[in-house]
Amino acid sequence: MTHWTSAVGATQLARLLHSQQDRPAGPGTRRPPAYRSLADGIRLLVLEGRVPVAARLPAERELALALSVSRTTVAAAYEALRTEGFLESRRGAGSWTAVPAGNPLPARGLEPLPPEALGSMIDLGCAALPAPEPWLTRAVQGALEELPPYAHTHGDYPAGLPALRAMIAERYTARGIATMPEQIMVTTGAMGAIDAICHLFAGRGERVAVESPSYANILQLMREAGARLVPVAMAEGLAGWDMDRWRQVLREAAPRIAYVVADFHNPTGALADEDQRRRLVDAARAAGTVLVADETMSELWLDEDFGDGRMPRPVCGFDPAGSTVITVGSASKAFWAGMRIGWVRAAPDVIRSLVAARAYADLGTPVLEQLAVNWLFSTGGWEQAVELRRVQARENRDALVAAVRRELPTWEFEVPEGGLTLWVRAGGLSGSRLAEAGERVGVRVPSGPRFGVDGAFEGYVRLPFTVGGALAEEAATRLAAAARLVETGMTGATEAPRTFVA
């Protein structure tokens, strides 16, 4: 009987382990034994989901050769993991990863923290804010008033409600991008849109070019779909897109699709300028690559004067023929994550293909939520709600930046002009170890490798603008406590998290 469902090669595991090395220990700092460091490294990979549960690990001799350590060290590490419940073994079947009884399975993306855990844990994992009331309530009430005629139908609208498709098309046209309703499909959030696009254009084994770093949940969605991810490194800080690298990758790898977040990039916050957008579209067209432009952050400029004509044209504005760019939008970031309404803008033939494929997926998007978004768009409520969202995110950003600079002065970042996240170089510490230590002191933070491919960005963490005021100060204090645990090599120790009352 097989007890494992996948396998991790010795070379791959060695690469992942090497990526999470901490900075050199200071004077007087005790280093754990080699076997203990190895066991801790594998345990971290399992807890973060970077090595799946029930994955067969390489034989002791193979891993020892890949790591240039003794077989005794690997054997002792495996035995420690078995004792702690993170490894199971059976003669003839090998050893495979596990989680101890009572522990939740590790997530591969950035799942929200359960609401019942928020009393003792500050959640910096999910980049989402509470609903901008009273606009959510008003939108739902408006939707209920419009619902009766639709209730007399079957309720399945694979392309989306005609009224909402027309409204979204009208909004693109108002931005200078002439759009017909036939170019719009309404989806269940941006994730639903990108999942549909991947299934249509990128079958298993197809190459997909992605920014490096990129949005963790989308990377995992593509991995699960069987895509071969081709990372394209971002420039340092907020400089954004290195067009020489993009041209080279698109020319040499010839990916079927490329996924980019040009508007306040997640996680870095970078904003592509018009020249970068034009050159990226030209390079994709020359390579025959479909360019998927994620616009979910496009309305979240935070500096008060930024919206006054300073936003670049949409990426699709540089594709007048409509043959290269597919645009994805959503209400979930700019309005509320619980409003699972997204959309695709593409050429009519692409939309027809996407709609036809829905018969084998979700059939359509909930009618009531579509009516609520249509109410927001048609009444001006959307603009007022998004302005409220900008004010809240800007205040949170400024509070978090000040608190992190005060509590963690060696951490490096640039402050973005929009979006919902800071991309932080954590002073030479391992992001994975900071994430683990953070759980112990009451702050949940995603490590950099979640946003990369094959263990990249170990020295980073992502901090979203989801807390402000005193809670931002407390979050920074707890992050500093987590950093001290990592610096002293005491990530196995526990500091009890405090219950915080705002």
Protein backbone atom coordinates (compact mmCIF):
# COMPACT_ATOMS: atom_id res chain seq x y z
CA MET A 1 0.00 0.00 0.00
CA THR A 2 1.40 3.45 -0.98
CA HIS A 3 1.51 5.99 1.84
CA TRP A 4 2.81 8.94 -0.17
CA THR A 5 1.20 10.85 -3.05
CA SER A 6 4.16 12.81 -4.44
CA ALA A 7 7.94 12.82 -4.19
CA VAL A 8 10.64 15.42 -3.56
CA GLY A 9 14.03 14.81 -5.15
CA ALA A 10 17.29 15.24 -3.24
CA THR A 11 18.47 18.14 -5.43
CA GLN A 12 15.14 19.96 -5.13
CA LEU A 13 15.01 19.52 -1.35
CA ALA A 14 18.62 20.66 -0.98
CA ARG A 15 17.84 23.82 -2.99
CA LEU A 16 14.84 24.61 -0.81
CA LEU A 17 16.84 24.05 2.36
CA HIS A 18 19.77 26.18 1.22
CA SER A 19 17.39 29.05 0.41
CA GLN A 20 16.32 29.44 4.03
CA GLN A 21 19.74 29.91 5.63
CA ASP A 22 19.87 32.60 8.29
CA ARG A 23 22.52 35.30 8.49
CA PRO A 24 25.73 34.38 10.38
CA ALA A 25 25.34 33.98 14.12
CA GLY A 26 26.62 36.75 16.35
CA PRO A 27 29.25 36.30 19.10
CA GLY A 28 28.09 33.99 21.84
CA THR A 29 25.13 32.67 19.88
CA ARG A 30 24.82 28.90 20.12
CA ARG A 31 24.21 27.08 16.88
CA PRO A 32 22.04 23.95 17.07
CA PRO A 33 23.57 20.62 15.98
CA ALA A 34 23.59 19.98 12.22
CA TYR A 35 20.89 17.31 12.44
CA ARG A 36 18.63 19.70 14.38
CA SER A 37 19.07 22.47 11.79
CA LEU A 38 18.22 19.99 9.03
CA ALA A 39 15.13 18.71 10.86
CA ASP A 40 13.96 22.29 11.55
CA GLY A 41 14.47 23.22 7.90
CA ILE A 42 12.37 20.32 6.62
CA ARG A 43 9.70 21.00 9.24
CA LEU A 44 9.47 24.64 8.09
CA LEU A 45 9.08 23.57 4.48
CA VAL A 46 6.20 21.29 5.46
CA LEU A 47 4.51 23.91 7.67
CA GLU A 48 4.62 26.46 4.85
CA GLY A 49 3.29 24.00 2.28
CA ARG A 50 6.42 24.29 0.13
CA VAL A 51 6.93 20.55 0.61
CA PRO A 52 3.48 18.90 0.51
CA VAL A 53 2.15 16.60 3.19
CA ALA A 54 2.47 12.94 2.14
CA ALA A 55 5.47 13.72 -0.07
CA ARG A 56 8.13 11.01 -0.21
CA LEU A 57 11.50 12.35 0.91
CA PRO A 58 14.78 11.21 -0.68
CA ALA A 59 16.70 8.32 0.85
CA GLU A 60 19.19 9.24 3.57
CA ARG A 61 22.24 8.57 1.38
CA GLU A 62 20.86 10.63 -1.55
CA LEU A 63 20.07 13.65 0.63
CA ALA A 64 23.43 13.42 2.41
CA LEU A 65 25.22 13.61 -0.94
CA ALA A 66 23.09 16.54 -2.13
CA LEU A 67 23.74 18.48 1.11
CA SER A 68 27.38 17.43 1.54
CA VAL A 69 26.73 16.17 5.06
CA SER A 70 27.12 12.78 6.66
CA ARG A 71 24.45 10.13 6.35
CA THR A 72 24.38 10.03 10.16
CA THR A 73 23.23 13.67 10.19
CA VAL A 74 20.35 12.94 7.81
CA ALA A 75 19.37 9.80 9.73
CA ALA A 76 19.28 11.74 13.00
CA ALA A 77 17.20 14.53 11.39
CA TYR A 78 14.70 12.03 10.01
CA GLU A 79 14.44 10.35 13.41
CA ALA A 80 13.77 13.72 15.08
CA LEU A 81 11.03 14.47 12.55
CA ARG A 82 9.46 11.05 13.15
CA THR A 83 9.46 11.69 16.90
CA GLU A 84 7.76 15.08 16.40
CA GLY A 85 5.13 13.68 14.01
CA PHE A 86 6.38 15.36 10.84
CA LEU A 87 7.65 12.18 9.18
CA GLU A 88 6.36 8.64 8.82
CA SER A 89 8.32 5.67 7.52
CA ARG A 90 7.75 2.07 6.57
CA ARG A 91 10.28 -0.49 5.47
CA GLY A 92 10.18 -0.84 1.71
CA ALA A 93 8.03 2.29 1.27
CA GLY A 94 10.50 4.95 2.40
CA SER A 95 9.73 8.07 4.45
CA TRP A 96 7.09 10.68 3.74
CA THR A 97 6.07 13.98 5.29
CA ALA A 98 3.20 14.27 7.76
CA VAL A 99 1.74 16.68 10.30
CA PRO A 100 1.23 15.81 13.98
CA ALA A 101 -2.27 14.88 15.09
CA GLY A 102 -4.34 17.95 15.90
CA ASN A 103 -2.34 20.29 13.66
CA PRO A 104 -4.08 21.95 10.70
CA LEU A 105 -2.84 20.99 7.26
CA PRO A 106 -0.50 23.67 5.91
CA ALA A 107 -1.95 25.88 3.19
CA ARG A 108 -0.20 26.38 -0.13
CA GLY A 109 -1.53 29.93 -0.53
CA LEU A 110 -2.61 32.77 1.75
CA GLU A 111 -5.78 31.51 3.37
CA PRO A 112 -7.67 33.91 5.71
CA LEU A 113 -7.29 33.38 9.44
CA PRO A 114 -10.52 32.03 11.01
CA PRO A 115 -12.42 34.91 12.72
CA GLU A 116 -12.41 33.09 16.06
CA ALA A 117 -8.59 33.32 16.16
CA LEU A 118 -8.47 37.10 15.77
CA GLY A 119 -8.63 37.80 19.52
CA SER A 120 -5.09 36.60 20.16
CA MET A 121 -3.54 36.69 16.67
CA ILE A 122 -2.90 39.77 14.53
CA ASP A 123 -3.46 38.62 10.96
CA LEU A 124 -1.04 40.10 8.41
CA GLY A 125 -1.48 37.15 6.07
CA CYS A 126 -4.54 38.23 4.11
CA ALA A 127 -4.39 41.56 2.24
CA ALA A 128 -8.06 42.44 2.65
CA LEU A 129 -9.96 45.07 4.63
CA PRO A 130 -13.43 45.04 6.22
CA ALA A 131 -16.34 46.11 4.03
CA PRO A 132 -16.69 49.87 3.40
CA GLU A 133 -20.02 50.45 5.09
CA PRO A 134 -22.66 51.69 4.62
CA TRP A 135 -22.05 50.90 0.94
CA LEU A 136 -22.16 47.12 1.24
CA THR A 137 -25.53 47.22 2.98
CA ARG A 138 -26.92 49.76 0.51
CA ALA A 139 -25.69 47.71 -2.46
CA VAL A 140 -27.32 44.54 -1.16
CA GLN A 141 -30.57 46.38 -0.47
CA GLY A 142 -30.48 47.83 -3.98
CA ALA A 143 -29.82 44.38 -5.40
CA LEU A 144 -32.80 42.91 -3.56
CA GLU A 145 -35.06 45.54 -5.11
CA GLU A 146 -33.82 44.55 -8.58
CA LEU A 147 -33.99 40.79 -7.96
CA PRO A 148 -37.68 39.87 -8.63
CA PRO A 149 -37.50 39.80 -12.47
CA TYR A 150 -34.43 37.58 -12.34
CA ALA A 151 -36.05 35.25 -9.81
CA HIS A 152 -38.54 34.22 -12.52
CA THR A 153 -35.69 32.92 -14.71
CA HIS A 154 -33.42 29.89 -14.37
CA GLY A 155 -30.73 32.16 -12.87
CA ASP A 156 -27.83 30.85 -14.95
CA TYR A 157 -25.97 33.57 -16.87
CA PRO A 158 -22.67 32.03 -17.98
CA ALA A 159 -21.40 35.32 -19.44
CA GLY A 160 -22.82 37.40 -16.59
CA LEU A 161 -25.91 39.57 -16.25
CA PRO A 162 -26.35 41.65 -19.42
CA ALA A 163 -26.78 44.83 -17.38
CA LEU A 164 -23.51 44.32 -15.51
CA ARG A 165 -21.59 43.36 -18.67
CA ALA A 166 -22.82 46.56 -20.32
CA MET A 167 -21.87 48.62 -17.27
CA ILE A 168 -18.34 47.18 -17.10
CA ALA A 169 -17.89 47.78 -20.85
CA GLU A 170 -19.07 51.35 -20.39
CA ARG A 171 -16.52 51.91 -17.62
CA TYR A 172 -13.67 50.73 -19.87
CA THR A 173 -14.93 53.00 -22.64
CA ALA A 174 -14.92 55.92 -20.20
CA ARG A 175 -11.24 55.18 -19.53
CA GLY A 176 -10.50 55.56 -23.22
CA ILE A 177 -10.66 51.83 -24.12
CA ALA A 178 -13.62 51.31 -26.46
CA THR A 179 -15.34 48.14 -25.24
CA MET A 180 -18.52 46.25 -26.15
CA PRO A 181 -20.51 44.08 -23.72
CA GLU A 182 -19.56 41.11 -25.93
CA GLN A 183 -15.96 41.63 -24.74
CA ILE A 184 -16.89 41.10 -21.07
CA MET A 185 -17.47 37.94 -19.03
CA VAL A 186 -18.39 38.18 -15.34
CA THR A 187 -16.62 35.63 -13.12
CA THR A 188 -16.52 34.49 -9.52
CA GLY A 189 -13.73 36.81 -8.45
CA ALA A 190 -10.40 37.40 -10.17
CA MET A 191 -9.25 33.91 -9.16
CA GLY A 192 -12.16 32.43 -11.10
CA ALA A 193 -11.23 34.56 -14.10
CA ILE A 194 -7.58 33.53 -14.13
CA ASP A 195 -8.45 29.88 -13.53
CA ALA A 196 -10.71 29.94 -16.59
CA ILE A 197 -8.03 31.66 -18.69
CA CYS A 198 -5.39 29.13 -17.65
CA HIS A 199 -7.62 26.20 -18.55
CA LEU A 200 -8.38 27.71 -21.94
CA PHE A 201 -4.86 28.76 -22.94
CA ALA A 202 -2.38 26.78 -20.84
CA GLY A 203 -2.89 23.05 -20.58
CA ARG A 204 -0.78 20.85 -18.33
CA GLY A 205 2.91 21.28 -19.04
CA GLU A 206 2.52 24.63 -20.82
CA ARG A 207 4.94 27.41 -19.89
CA VAL A 208 3.54 30.45 -18.08
CA ALA A 209 5.74 33.50 -17.50
CA VAL A 210 5.20 35.20 -14.14
CA GLU A 211 6.74 38.13 -12.34
CA SER A 212 9.18 37.18 -9.61
CA PRO A 213 7.90 37.83 -7.00
CA SER A 214 4.19 37.50 -7.80
CA TYR A 215 0.85 36.95 -6.07
CA ALA A 216 1.11 33.72 -4.07
CA ASN A 217 -2.44 32.44 -4.62
CA ILE A 218 -2.20 32.86 -8.38
CA LEU A 219 1.16 31.06 -8.46
CA GLN A 220 -0.37 28.15 -6.57
CA LEU A 221 -3.45 28.11 -8.81
CA MET A 222 -1.16 27.79 -11.83
CA ARG A 223 0.92 25.06 -10.20
CA GLU A 224 -2.23 23.08 -9.42
CA ALA A 225 -3.28 23.47 -13.06
CA GLY A 226 -0.01 21.84 -14.11
CA ALA A 227 1.66 24.95 -15.56
CA ARG A 228 5.45 25.20 -15.84
CA LEU A 229 6.17 28.56 -14.22
CA VAL A 230 8.89 30.69 -15.81
CA PRO A 231 9.90 33.46 -13.38
CA VAL A 232 10.95 36.88 -14.66
CA ALA A 233 12.79 38.89 -12.00
CA MET A 234 11.41 42.28 -11.02
CA ALA A 235 13.78 45.23 -10.72
CA GLU A 236 14.80 46.37 -7.24
CA GLY A 237 12.39 48.40 -5.12
CA LEU A 238 9.53 50.09 -6.95
CA ALA A 239 11.33 50.28 -10.32
CA GLY A 240 9.15 47.41 -11.46
CA TRP A 241 9.60 45.62 -14.75
CA ASP A 242 12.95 44.86 -16.37
CA MET A 243 11.97 44.91 -20.02
CA ASP A 244 15.24 43.40 -21.25
CA ARG A 245 14.56 40.35 -19.09
CA TRP A 246 10.96 40.16 -20.27
CA ARG A 247 11.93 40.30 -23.94
CA GLN A 248 14.54 37.59 -23.42
CA VAL A 249 12.17 35.23 -21.58
CA LEU A 250 9.31 35.75 -24.02
CA ARG A 251 11.63 35.21 -26.99
CA GLU A 252 13.52 32.18 -25.66
CA ALA A 253 10.91 30.37 -23.51
CA ALA A 254 7.91 31.21 -25.75
CA PRO A 255 5.40 30.88 -22.88
CA ARG A 256 1.78 30.33 -23.84
CA ILE A 257 0.62 33.04 -21.44
CA ALA A 258 2.26 35.65 -19.20
CA TYR A 259 0.67 36.95 -16.00
CA VAL A 260 1.43 40.48 -14.76
CA VAL A 261 0.09 42.89 -12.14
CA ALA A 262 1.02 46.26 -13.64
CA ASP A 263 -1.10 48.35 -11.26
CA PHE A 264 0.35 48.46 -7.72
CA HIS A 265 1.91 45.05 -8.01
CA ASN A 266 1.25 42.41 -5.38
CA PRO A 267 3.48 42.08 -3.33
CA THR A 268 5.93 44.91 -4.17
CA GLY A 269 3.50 47.79 -4.80
CA ALA A 270 5.32 48.79 -8.01
CA LEU A 271 3.42 50.62 -10.75
CA ALA A 272 4.40 50.04 -14.39
CA ASP A 273 4.73 53.24 -16.39
CA GLU A 274 3.30 53.67 -19.88
CA ASP A 275 6.58 52.91 -21.63
CA GLN A 276 6.93 49.61 -19.74
CA ARG A 277 3.36 48.68 -20.62
CA ARG A 278 3.83 49.46 -24.29
CA ARG A 279 7.08 47.51 -24.53
CA LEU A 280 5.64 44.54 -22.63
CA VAL A 281 2.64 44.31 -24.97
CA ASP A 282 4.91 44.61 -28.02
CA ALA A 283 7.20 41.85 -26.71
CA ALA A 284 4.25 39.55 -25.97
CA ARG A 285 2.76 40.14 -29.41
CA ALA A 286 6.10 39.36 -31.09
CA ALA A 287 6.44 36.13 -29.11
CA GLY A 288 2.85 34.99 -29.70
CA THR A 289 2.23 35.07 -25.93
CA VAL A 290 -1.16 35.93 -24.44
CA LEU A 291 -0.62 38.65 -21.82
CA VAL A 292 -2.95 38.43 -18.81
CA ALA A 293 -3.09 41.82 -17.06
CA ASP A 294 -4.46 41.71 -13.50
CA GLU A 295 -6.11 45.08 -12.70
CA THR A 296 -7.53 44.21 -9.28
CA MET A 297 -5.44 46.94 -7.58
CA SER A 298 -5.83 49.60 -10.29
CA GLU A 299 -8.14 51.89 -8.32
CA LEU A 300 -6.19 51.68 -5.07
CA TRP A 301 -3.90 54.69 -5.45
CA LEU A 302 -3.37 56.01 -1.92
CA ASP A 303 -1.59 59.36 -2.17
CA GLU A 304 -4.26 62.05 -2.25
CA ASP A 305 -3.10 63.72 -5.48
CA PHE A 306 -2.36 60.48 -7.33
CA GLY A 307 -5.66 59.96 -9.07
CA ASP A 308 -5.51 63.36 -10.76
CA GLY A 309 -4.42 62.08 -14.17
CA ARG A 310 -1.32 60.28 -12.90
CA MET A 311 -2.46 56.71 -13.53
CA PRO A 312 -1.03 55.17 -16.71
CA ARG A 313 -3.37 53.86 -19.39
CA PRO A 314 -4.56 50.28 -18.87
CA VAL A 315 -2.34 47.59 -20.38
CA CYS A 316 -5.08 46.73 -22.89
CA GLY A 317 -4.87 50.32 -24.15
CA PHE A 318 -1.63 49.36 -25.91
CA ASP A 319 -3.32 46.47 -27.74
CA PRO A 320 -5.78 48.18 -30.09
CA ALA A 321 -6.37 45.01 -32.12
CA GLY A 322 -7.31 43.12 -28.94
CA SER A 323 -5.32 40.05 -29.96
CA THR A 324 -2.67 40.00 -27.24
CA VAL A 325 -4.01 41.29 -23.90
CA ILE A 326 -6.66 39.74 -21.66
CA THR A 327 -7.61 41.97 -18.73
CA VAL A 328 -8.87 40.74 -15.36
CA GLY A 329 -10.69 43.00 -12.90
CA SER A 330 -12.43 42.46 -9.59
CA ALA A 331 -14.49 44.06 -6.84
CA SER A 332 -12.73 42.03 -4.16
CA LYS A 333 -9.69 44.25 -3.48
CA ALA A 334 -11.06 47.72 -4.18
CA PHE A 335 -14.40 47.06 -2.45
CA TRP A 336 -14.56 43.94 -0.27
CA ALA A 337 -13.08 40.43 -0.45
CA GLY A 338 -16.49 38.96 0.36
CA MET A 339 -17.90 40.44 -2.85
CA ARG A 340 -16.74 37.64 -5.15
CA ILE A 341 -17.33 39.40 -8.44
CA GLY A 342 -14.63 39.54 -11.10
CA TRP A 343 -14.56 40.02 -14.84
CA VAL A 344 -12.56 39.37 -17.99
CA ARG A 345 -12.14 41.83 -20.85
CA ALA A 346 -10.94 40.19 -24.07
CA ALA A 347 -11.69 39.81 -27.76
CA PRO A 348 -15.25 38.54 -28.42
CA ASP A 349 -14.06 35.15 -29.71
CA VAL A 350 -12.04 34.61 -26.51
CA ILE A 351 -15.04 35.54 -24.38
CA ARG A 352 -17.21 33.07 -26.32
CA SER A 353 -14.67 30.29 -25.67
CA LEU A 354 -14.46 31.13 -21.97
CA VAL A 355 -18.25 31.18 -21.67
CA ALA A 356 -18.59 27.83 -23.45
CA ALA A 357 -16.08 26.28 -21.04
CA ARG A 358 -18.15 27.35 -18.00
CA ALA A 359 -20.63 24.56 -18.71
CA TYR A 360 -18.01 22.22 -17.24
CA ALA A 361 -17.02 24.50 -14.36
CA ASP A 362 -19.34 26.75 -12.31
CA LEU A 363 -22.06 27.64 -14.90
CA GLY A 364 -22.16 31.26 -13.75
CA THR A 365 -21.71 33.86 -11.02
CA PRO A 366 -24.27 34.52 -8.22
CA VAL A 367 -27.00 36.84 -9.47
CA LEU A 368 -27.53 38.78 -6.24
CA GLU A 369 -23.87 39.78 -5.97
CA GLN A 370 -23.82 40.84 -9.63
CA LEU A 371 -26.84 43.04 -8.99
CA ALA A 372 -25.11 44.57 -5.95
CA VAL A 373 -22.02 45.50 -7.98
CA ASN A 374 -24.18 46.85 -10.79
CA TRP A 375 -26.02 49.01 -8.23
CA LEU A 376 -22.69 50.40 -7.00
CA PHE A 377 -21.51 51.17 -10.53
CA SER A 378 -24.77 52.77 -11.66
CA THR A 379 -25.43 54.97 -8.61
CA GLY A 380 -21.98 56.39 -7.91
CA GLY A 381 -21.76 54.30 -4.77
CA TRP A 382 -18.66 52.54 -6.12
CA GLU A 383 -16.61 55.74 -6.30
CA GLN A 384 -17.61 56.78 -2.79
CA ALA A 385 -16.91 53.33 -1.35
CA VAL A 386 -13.51 53.09 -3.06
CA GLU A 387 -12.57 56.57 -1.81
CA LEU A 388 -13.40 55.36 1.72
CA ARG A 389 -11.22 52.32 1.09
CA ARG A 390 -8.33 54.54 -0.08
CA VAL A 391 -8.49 56.68 3.07
CA GLN A 392 -8.50 53.62 5.32
CA ALA A 393 -5.65 51.92 3.47
CA ARG A 394 -3.57 55.13 3.40
CA GLU A 395 -3.96 55.63 7.15
CA ASN A 396 -3.08 51.99 7.79
CA ARG A 397 -0.07 52.18 5.48
CA ASP A 398 1.33 55.24 7.20
CA ALA A 399 0.81 53.78 10.68
CA LEU A 400 2.40 50.45 9.75
CA VAL A 401 5.38 52.11 8.04
CA ALA A 402 6.06 54.29 11.10
CA ALA A 403 5.74 51.35 13.51
CA VAL A 404 8.01 49.02 11.53
CA ARG A 405 10.64 51.72 11.08
CA ARG A 406 10.64 52.33 14.81
CA GLU A 407 10.63 48.69 16.01
CA LEU A 408 12.70 47.12 13.20
CA PRO A 409 15.08 49.79 11.90
CA THR A 410 17.23 47.31 9.93
CA TRP A 411 14.28 46.12 7.82
CA GLU A 412 14.28 47.66 4.33
CA PHE A 413 11.37 48.63 2.08
CA GLU A 414 10.09 51.35 -0.20
CA VAL A 415 6.69 52.87 0.45
CA PRO A 416 4.36 52.33 -2.53
CA GLU A 417 1.92 54.97 -3.76
CA GLY A 418 -0.91 52.47 -3.92
CA GLY A 419 -2.01 48.89 -3.43
CA LEU A 420 -2.30 47.06 -0.13
CA THR A 421 1.16 45.65 0.65
CA LEU A 422 4.72 46.39 1.74
CA TRP A 423 7.47 44.11 0.42
CA VAL A 424 10.09 44.03 3.17
CA ARG A 425 13.67 42.76 3.26
CA ALA A 426 13.85 41.42 6.81
CA GLY A 427 17.32 42.51 7.90
CA GLY A 428 19.07 39.33 6.80
CA LEU A 429 16.67 37.00 8.62
CA SER A 430 14.85 34.02 7.14
CA GLY A 431 11.29 34.90 6.20
CA SER A 432 10.20 31.32 6.82
CA ARG A 433 11.61 31.35 10.33
CA LEU A 434 10.06 34.75 11.00
CA ALA A 435 6.67 33.39 9.92
CA GLU A 436 7.02 30.45 12.29
CA ALA A 437 8.21 32.62 15.18
CA GLY A 438 5.43 35.11 14.47
CA GLU A 439 2.80 32.41 15.01
CA ARG A 440 4.32 31.83 18.44
CA VAL A 441 4.18 35.48 19.53
CA GLY A 442 0.78 36.31 18.05
CA VAL A 443 1.35 37.82 14.61
CA ARG A 444 0.70 36.01 11.36
CA VAL A 445 2.89 37.06 8.44
CA PRO A 446 3.56 35.33 5.10
CA SER A 447 7.18 34.66 4.21
CA GLY A 448 8.79 35.74 0.95
CA PRO A 449 9.09 32.27 -0.64
CA ARG A 450 5.31 32.06 -0.96
CA PHE A 451 5.59 34.77 -3.61
CA GLY A 452 8.44 33.19 -5.57
CA VAL A 453 9.29 30.06 -7.50
CA ASP A 454 11.52 27.32 -6.02
CA GLY A 455 12.48 28.95 -2.74
CA ALA A 456 13.25 32.49 -3.90
CA PHE A 457 12.87 35.52 -1.58
CA GLU A 458 13.71 33.74 1.66
CA GLY A 459 14.91 37.04 3.11
CA TYR A 460 11.55 38.80 2.66
CA VAL A 461 8.11 39.06 4.25
CA ARG A 462 4.96 40.75 2.96
CA LEU A 463 3.11 43.17 5.25
CA PRO A 464 -0.39 44.26 4.15
CA PHE A 465 -2.14 47.50 5.13
CA THR A 466 -4.86 45.71 7.06
CA VAL A 467 -4.21 47.13 10.53
CA GLY A 468 -3.71 50.70 11.71
CA GLY A 469 -3.36 52.81 14.82
CA ALA A 470 -2.51 50.99 18.03
CA LEU A 471 -2.97 47.61 16.33
CA ALA A 472 -0.26 48.46 13.78
CA GLU A 473 2.07 49.39 16.63
CA GLU A 474 1.32 46.11 18.40
CA ALA A 475 1.89 44.17 15.18
CA ALA A 476 5.33 45.75 14.78
CA THR A 477 6.15 45.00 18.43
CA ARG A 478 5.26 41.35 17.92
CA LEU A 479 7.26 41.20 14.69
CA ALA A 480 10.26 42.55 16.61
CA ALA A 481 9.75 39.81 19.21
CA ALA A 482 9.63 37.21 16.42
CA ALA A 483 12.85 38.65 14.96
CA ARG A 484 14.58 38.29 18.33
CA LEU A 485 13.56 34.64 18.51
CA VAL A 486 15.02 34.02 15.07
CA GLU A 487 18.21 35.95 15.83
CA THR A 488 18.85 33.91 18.97
CA GLY A 489 17.97 30.60 17.32
CA MET A 490 15.04 30.07 19.71
CA THR A 491 12.20 29.57 17.25
CA GLY A 492 11.23 26.45 19.13
CA ALA A 493 10.56 28.52 22.25
CA THR A 494 7.15 30.01 22.88
CA GLU A 495 6.21 33.52 23.93
CA ALA A 496 2.50 33.50 24.70
CA PRO A 497 0.57 35.87 22.41
CA ARG A 498 -1.36 38.62 24.18
CA THR A 499 -5.03 39.25 23.58
CA PHE A 500 -5.32 42.70 22.02
CA VAL A 501 -8.38 44.88 22.45
CA ALA A 502 -8.51 47.78 19.97
